[in-house]
Amino acid sequence: DIPLDNLVDELPSHEPRYVLVIYQYEKELGRVVYPYCMVFSTPEGCPPMLKMLYTASLPSVVEKSGVGKVGLHCIVQIYSWKVFELRDVEDFSEAWLREQLENER
């Protein structure tokens, strides 16, 4: 449970990682949503075998995590989005994630 901009310090630059993210996001007209999504980090410098192992496990992780389902919680809608692939961990920020979410419309 850390701010998105601090998460980049936790991501290795030489190994893949799955990151589940949910946070408050205010859309146009003040509508508040809580996007629940997965960021699949596959840095350019990581070994191909690790990339293959993580990529092969991705469908199972997506299914088990619940990413891909949409539900209602209280009165606020919780959105589930596709998996977003991140190639350079230095790019990961709240601005990057918002851009990915906006492109999913």
N, C-alpha and C. Protein backbone atom coordinates (compact mmCIF):
# COMPACT_ATOMS: atom_id res chain seq x y z
N ASP A 1 0.85 -1.18 0.00
CA ASP A 1 0.00 0.00 0.00
C ASP A 1 0.89 1.24 0.00
N ILE A 2 1.32 1.64 -1.21
CA ILE A 2 2.21 2.79 -1.34
C ILE A 2 1.74 3.68 -2.49
N PRO A 3 2.14 4.94 -2.48
CA PRO A 3 1.78 5.81 -3.61
C PRO A 3 2.35 5.25 -4.92
N LEU A 4 1.61 5.43 -6.00
CA LEU A 4 2.05 4.90 -7.29
C LEU A 4 3.42 5.42 -7.69
N ASP A 5 3.68 6.69 -7.45
CA ASP A 5 4.96 7.25 -7.85
C ASP A 5 6.13 6.66 -7.07
N ASN A 6 5.88 6.09 -5.89
CA ASN A 6 6.94 5.44 -5.12
C ASN A 6 7.13 3.98 -5.51
N LEU A 7 6.16 3.42 -6.20
CA LEU A 7 6.23 2.01 -6.57
C LEU A 7 7.38 1.72 -7.52
N VAL A 8 7.75 2.69 -8.32
CA VAL A 8 8.84 2.48 -9.28
C VAL A 8 10.13 2.06 -8.57
N ASP A 9 10.34 2.53 -7.34
CA ASP A 9 11.53 2.15 -6.58
C ASP A 9 11.50 0.69 -6.15
N GLU A 10 10.32 0.09 -6.12
CA GLU A 10 10.17 -1.30 -5.70
C GLU A 10 10.27 -2.29 -6.87
N LEU A 11 10.16 -1.79 -8.09
CA LEU A 11 10.19 -2.67 -9.26
C LEU A 11 11.62 -2.90 -9.73
N PRO A 12 12.03 -4.17 -9.85
CA PRO A 12 13.38 -4.44 -10.35
C PRO A 12 13.48 -4.10 -11.83
N SER A 13 14.63 -3.62 -12.23
CA SER A 13 14.83 -3.25 -13.64
C SER A 13 15.33 -4.42 -14.48
N HIS A 14 15.48 -5.60 -13.86
CA HIS A 14 16.04 -6.75 -14.57
C HIS A 14 15.19 -8.02 -14.44
N GLU A 15 13.99 -7.91 -13.83
CA GLU A 15 13.10 -9.06 -13.67
C GLU A 15 11.66 -8.63 -13.91
N PRO A 16 10.84 -9.50 -14.50
CA PRO A 16 9.41 -9.20 -14.68
C PRO A 16 8.69 -9.18 -13.34
N ARG A 17 7.57 -8.48 -13.29
CA ARG A 17 6.71 -8.44 -12.10
C ARG A 17 5.27 -8.20 -12.52
N TYR A 18 4.34 -8.70 -11.69
CA TYR A 18 2.92 -8.38 -11.80
C TYR A 18 2.62 -7.39 -10.69
N VAL A 19 1.89 -6.33 -11.00
CA VAL A 19 1.52 -5.34 -10.00
C VAL A 19 0.01 -5.12 -10.10
N LEU A 20 -0.71 -5.38 -9.02
CA LEU A 20 -2.15 -5.10 -8.98
C LEU A 20 -2.34 -3.71 -8.39
N VAL A 21 -3.15 -2.92 -9.07
CA VAL A 21 -3.32 -1.52 -8.67
C VAL A 21 -4.81 -1.19 -8.57
N ILE A 22 -5.18 -0.51 -7.49
CA ILE A 22 -6.50 0.08 -7.35
C ILE A 22 -6.31 1.44 -6.67
N TYR A 23 -6.94 2.45 -7.22
CA TYR A 23 -6.81 3.78 -6.62
C TYR A 23 -7.98 4.66 -7.05
N GLN A 24 -8.18 5.73 -6.32
CA GLN A 24 -9.28 6.65 -6.63
C GLN A 24 -8.92 7.48 -7.85
N TYR A 25 -9.86 7.57 -8.78
CA TYR A 25 -9.62 8.25 -10.05
C TYR A 25 -10.87 9.06 -10.38
N GLU A 26 -10.73 10.38 -10.48
CA GLU A 26 -11.87 11.23 -10.79
C GLU A 26 -11.93 11.49 -12.29
N LYS A 27 -13.05 11.12 -12.89
CA LYS A 27 -13.24 11.30 -14.32
C LYS A 27 -13.98 12.61 -14.58
N GLU A 28 -14.28 12.85 -15.86
CA GLU A 28 -15.01 14.06 -16.22
C GLU A 28 -16.33 14.13 -15.46
N LEU A 29 -16.79 15.33 -15.26
CA LEU A 29 -18.03 15.61 -14.52
C LEU A 29 -17.96 15.16 -13.07
N GLY A 30 -16.75 14.94 -12.55
CA GLY A 30 -16.58 14.61 -11.15
C GLY A 30 -16.92 13.19 -10.75
N ARG A 31 -17.15 12.33 -11.71
CA ARG A 31 -17.47 10.93 -11.39
C ARG A 31 -16.22 10.23 -10.86
N VAL A 32 -16.37 9.56 -9.72
CA VAL A 32 -15.24 8.88 -9.09
C VAL A 32 -15.33 7.38 -9.37
N VAL A 33 -14.23 6.83 -9.85
CA VAL A 33 -14.13 5.39 -10.08
C VAL A 33 -12.87 4.88 -9.39
N TYR A 34 -12.82 3.59 -9.19
CA TYR A 34 -11.67 2.95 -8.58
C TYR A 34 -11.16 1.88 -9.53
N PRO A 35 -10.32 2.27 -10.49
CA PRO A 35 -9.81 1.28 -11.44
C PRO A 35 -9.00 0.20 -10.73
N TYR A 36 -9.29 -1.03 -11.08
CA TYR A 36 -8.54 -2.19 -10.59
C TYR A 36 -7.90 -2.81 -11.81
N CYS A 37 -6.60 -2.77 -11.87
CA CYS A 37 -5.93 -3.25 -13.06
C CYS A 37 -4.61 -3.92 -12.69
N MET A 38 -4.03 -4.54 -13.68
CA MET A 38 -2.73 -5.17 -13.49
C MET A 38 -1.72 -4.52 -14.42
N VAL A 39 -0.56 -4.23 -13.87
CA VAL A 39 0.56 -3.77 -14.66
C VAL A 39 1.54 -4.93 -14.73
N PHE A 40 1.87 -5.33 -15.94
CA PHE A 40 2.80 -6.44 -16.16
C PHE A 40 4.12 -5.82 -16.59
N SER A 41 5.07 -5.79 -15.67
CA SER A 41 6.37 -5.18 -15.94
C SER A 41 7.30 -6.20 -16.58
N THR A 42 7.75 -5.91 -17.79
CA THR A 42 8.70 -6.77 -18.50
C THR A 42 9.85 -5.90 -19.01
N PRO A 43 10.78 -5.58 -18.12
CA PRO A 43 11.88 -4.70 -18.51
C PRO A 43 12.69 -5.27 -19.68
N GLU A 44 13.18 -4.38 -20.51
CA GLU A 44 13.94 -4.77 -21.70
C GLU A 44 15.15 -5.63 -21.36
N GLY A 45 15.81 -5.38 -20.25
CA GLY A 45 17.05 -6.09 -19.93
C GLY A 45 16.90 -7.43 -19.23
N CYS A 46 15.68 -7.89 -18.99
CA CYS A 46 15.54 -9.15 -18.25
C CYS A 46 15.74 -10.35 -19.18
N PRO A 47 16.19 -11.47 -18.60
CA PRO A 47 16.45 -12.66 -19.41
C PRO A 47 15.19 -13.16 -20.13
N PRO A 48 15.32 -13.60 -21.38
CA PRO A 48 14.17 -14.09 -22.14
C PRO A 48 13.42 -15.23 -21.44
N MET A 49 14.14 -16.11 -20.74
CA MET A 49 13.49 -17.23 -20.06
C MET A 49 12.54 -16.72 -18.97
N LEU A 50 12.96 -15.70 -18.23
CA LEU A 50 12.08 -15.13 -17.20
C LEU A 50 10.85 -14.50 -17.84
N LYS A 51 11.04 -13.78 -18.94
CA LYS A 51 9.90 -13.19 -19.64
C LYS A 51 8.91 -14.27 -20.07
N MET A 52 9.43 -15.38 -20.59
CA MET A 52 8.55 -16.47 -21.03
C MET A 52 7.80 -17.07 -19.86
N LEU A 53 8.47 -17.28 -18.73
CA LEU A 53 7.81 -17.85 -17.55
C LEU A 53 6.69 -16.94 -17.05
N TYR A 54 6.98 -15.66 -16.93
CA TYR A 54 5.97 -14.72 -16.46
C TYR A 54 4.82 -14.58 -17.45
N THR A 55 5.14 -14.53 -18.73
CA THR A 55 4.10 -14.40 -19.75
C THR A 55 3.21 -15.63 -19.78
N ALA A 56 3.79 -16.82 -19.62
CA ALA A 56 3.01 -18.05 -19.61
C ALA A 56 2.08 -18.11 -18.40
N SER A 57 2.49 -17.53 -17.29
CA SER A 57 1.67 -17.54 -16.06
C SER A 57 0.64 -16.43 -16.03
N LEU A 58 0.76 -15.46 -16.91
CA LEU A 58 -0.11 -14.28 -16.88
C LEU A 58 -1.60 -14.60 -16.90
N PRO A 59 -2.10 -15.47 -17.79
CA PRO A 59 -3.55 -15.75 -17.78
C PRO A 59 -4.05 -16.29 -16.44
N SER A 60 -3.27 -17.13 -15.81
CA SER A 60 -3.67 -17.68 -14.51
C SER A 60 -3.70 -16.59 -13.44
N VAL A 61 -2.70 -15.73 -13.44
CA VAL A 61 -2.64 -14.64 -12.46
C VAL A 61 -3.81 -13.68 -12.67
N VAL A 62 -4.12 -13.37 -13.92
CA VAL A 62 -5.25 -12.48 -14.22
C VAL A 62 -6.55 -13.10 -13.71
N GLU A 63 -6.73 -14.38 -13.97
CA GLU A 63 -7.96 -15.06 -13.52
C GLU A 63 -8.06 -15.08 -12.00
N LYS A 64 -6.99 -15.44 -11.33
CA LYS A 64 -7.01 -15.54 -9.86
C LYS A 64 -7.16 -14.18 -9.19
N SER A 65 -6.64 -13.13 -9.82
CA SER A 65 -6.69 -11.80 -9.21
C SER A 65 -8.05 -11.13 -9.36
N GLY A 66 -8.84 -11.59 -10.32
CA GLY A 66 -10.13 -10.96 -10.55
C GLY A 66 -10.08 -9.81 -11.54
N VAL A 67 -8.92 -9.50 -12.06
CA VAL A 67 -8.82 -8.46 -13.09
C VAL A 67 -9.60 -8.96 -14.29
N GLY A 68 -10.44 -8.11 -14.84
CA GLY A 68 -11.27 -8.53 -15.97
C GLY A 68 -12.73 -8.65 -15.60
N LYS A 69 -13.05 -8.53 -14.31
CA LYS A 69 -14.44 -8.56 -13.86
C LYS A 69 -14.84 -7.16 -13.45
N VAL A 70 -16.11 -6.84 -13.63
CA VAL A 70 -16.62 -5.52 -13.22
C VAL A 70 -17.64 -5.74 -12.12
N GLY A 71 -17.54 -4.96 -11.07
CA GLY A 71 -18.49 -5.11 -9.99
C GLY A 71 -18.87 -3.77 -9.40
N LEU A 72 -19.84 -3.78 -8.51
CA LEU A 72 -20.24 -2.56 -7.82
C LEU A 72 -19.89 -2.70 -6.35
N HIS A 73 -19.38 -1.65 -5.79
CA HIS A 73 -19.03 -1.63 -4.37
C HIS A 73 -19.64 -0.35 -3.81
N CYS A 74 -20.54 -0.49 -2.87
CA CYS A 74 -21.30 0.65 -2.35
C CYS A 74 -22.02 1.30 -3.53
N ILE A 75 -21.85 2.60 -3.71
CA ILE A 75 -22.51 3.29 -4.80
C ILE A 75 -21.51 3.62 -5.90
N VAL A 76 -20.25 3.41 -5.64
CA VAL A 76 -19.20 3.78 -6.58
C VAL A 76 -18.82 2.56 -7.40
N GLN A 77 -18.72 2.74 -8.70
CA GLN A 77 -18.39 1.62 -9.57
C GLN A 77 -16.89 1.33 -9.51
N ILE A 78 -16.57 0.05 -9.43
CA ILE A 78 -15.19 -0.39 -9.49
C ILE A 78 -14.98 -0.97 -10.88
N TYR A 79 -14.03 -0.43 -11.60
CA TYR A 79 -13.74 -0.90 -12.95
C TYR A 79 -12.58 -1.87 -12.94
N SER A 80 -12.66 -2.88 -13.75
CA SER A 80 -11.53 -3.75 -13.99
C SER A 80 -11.11 -3.55 -15.43
N TRP A 81 -9.85 -3.42 -15.64
CA TRP A 81 -9.32 -3.12 -16.96
C TRP A 81 -8.40 -4.23 -17.41
N LYS A 82 -7.96 -4.10 -18.62
CA LYS A 82 -7.00 -5.04 -19.17
C LYS A 82 -5.66 -4.90 -18.46
N VAL A 83 -4.81 -5.83 -18.78
CA VAL A 83 -3.44 -5.78 -18.28
C VAL A 83 -2.66 -4.77 -19.10
N PHE A 84 -1.91 -3.92 -18.43
CA PHE A 84 -1.08 -2.94 -19.11
C PHE A 84 0.37 -3.38 -19.02
N GLU A 85 1.03 -3.49 -20.15
CA GLU A 85 2.43 -3.92 -20.15
C GLU A 85 3.36 -2.71 -20.04
N LEU A 86 4.32 -2.85 -19.16
CA LEU A 86 5.30 -1.79 -18.90
C LEU A 86 6.67 -2.31 -19.28
N ARG A 87 7.33 -1.67 -20.23
CA ARG A 87 8.65 -2.12 -20.70
C ARG A 87 9.80 -1.44 -19.97
N ASP A 88 9.58 -0.23 -19.46
CA ASP A 88 10.64 0.51 -18.76
C ASP A 88 10.08 0.94 -17.42
N VAL A 89 10.61 0.38 -16.33
CA VAL A 89 10.07 0.66 -14.99
C VAL A 89 10.15 2.15 -14.64
N GLU A 90 11.07 2.86 -15.24
CA GLU A 90 11.18 4.30 -14.97
C GLU A 90 9.97 5.08 -15.50
N ASP A 91 9.23 4.49 -16.44
CA ASP A 91 8.04 5.15 -16.98
C ASP A 91 6.84 5.05 -16.05
N PHE A 92 6.88 4.12 -15.08
CA PHE A 92 5.71 3.87 -14.24
C PHE A 92 5.46 5.05 -13.30
N SER A 93 4.27 5.61 -13.41
CA SER A 93 3.86 6.73 -12.56
C SER A 93 2.33 6.81 -12.63
N GLU A 94 1.77 7.66 -11.81
CA GLU A 94 0.33 7.85 -11.86
C GLU A 94 -0.08 8.43 -13.22
N ALA A 95 0.75 9.31 -13.76
CA ALA A 95 0.45 9.89 -15.09
C ALA A 95 0.45 8.80 -16.17
N TRP A 96 1.41 7.88 -16.11
CA TRP A 96 1.46 6.77 -17.09
C TRP A 96 0.20 5.91 -16.97
N LEU A 97 -0.18 5.57 -15.73
CA LEU A 97 -1.36 4.72 -15.52
C LEU A 97 -2.63 5.42 -15.99
N ARG A 98 -2.77 6.69 -15.70
CA ARG A 98 -3.94 7.44 -16.18
C ARG A 98 -4.00 7.44 -17.70
N GLU A 99 -2.87 7.59 -18.35
CA GLU A 99 -2.83 7.55 -19.81
C GLU A 99 -3.29 6.19 -20.33
N GLN A 100 -2.86 5.11 -19.69
CA GLN A 100 -3.29 3.77 -20.10
C GLN A 100 -4.81 3.62 -19.93
N LEU A 101 -5.32 4.11 -18.81
CA LEU A 101 -6.76 4.01 -18.54
C LEU A 101 -7.56 4.83 -19.54
N GLU A 102 -7.08 6.02 -19.86
CA GLU A 102 -7.77 6.86 -20.84
C GLU A 102 -7.79 6.20 -22.21
N ASN A 103 -6.73 5.51 -22.57
CA ASN A 103 -6.65 4.84 -23.87
C ASN A 103 -7.54 3.61 -23.95
N GLU A 104 -8.02 3.11 -22.81
CA GLU A 104 -8.87 1.92 -22.78
C GLU A 104 -10.33 2.23 -23.06
N ARG A 105 -10.69 3.48 -23.16
CA ARG A 105 -12.10 3.85 -23.39
C ARG A 105 -12.60 3.28 -24.67
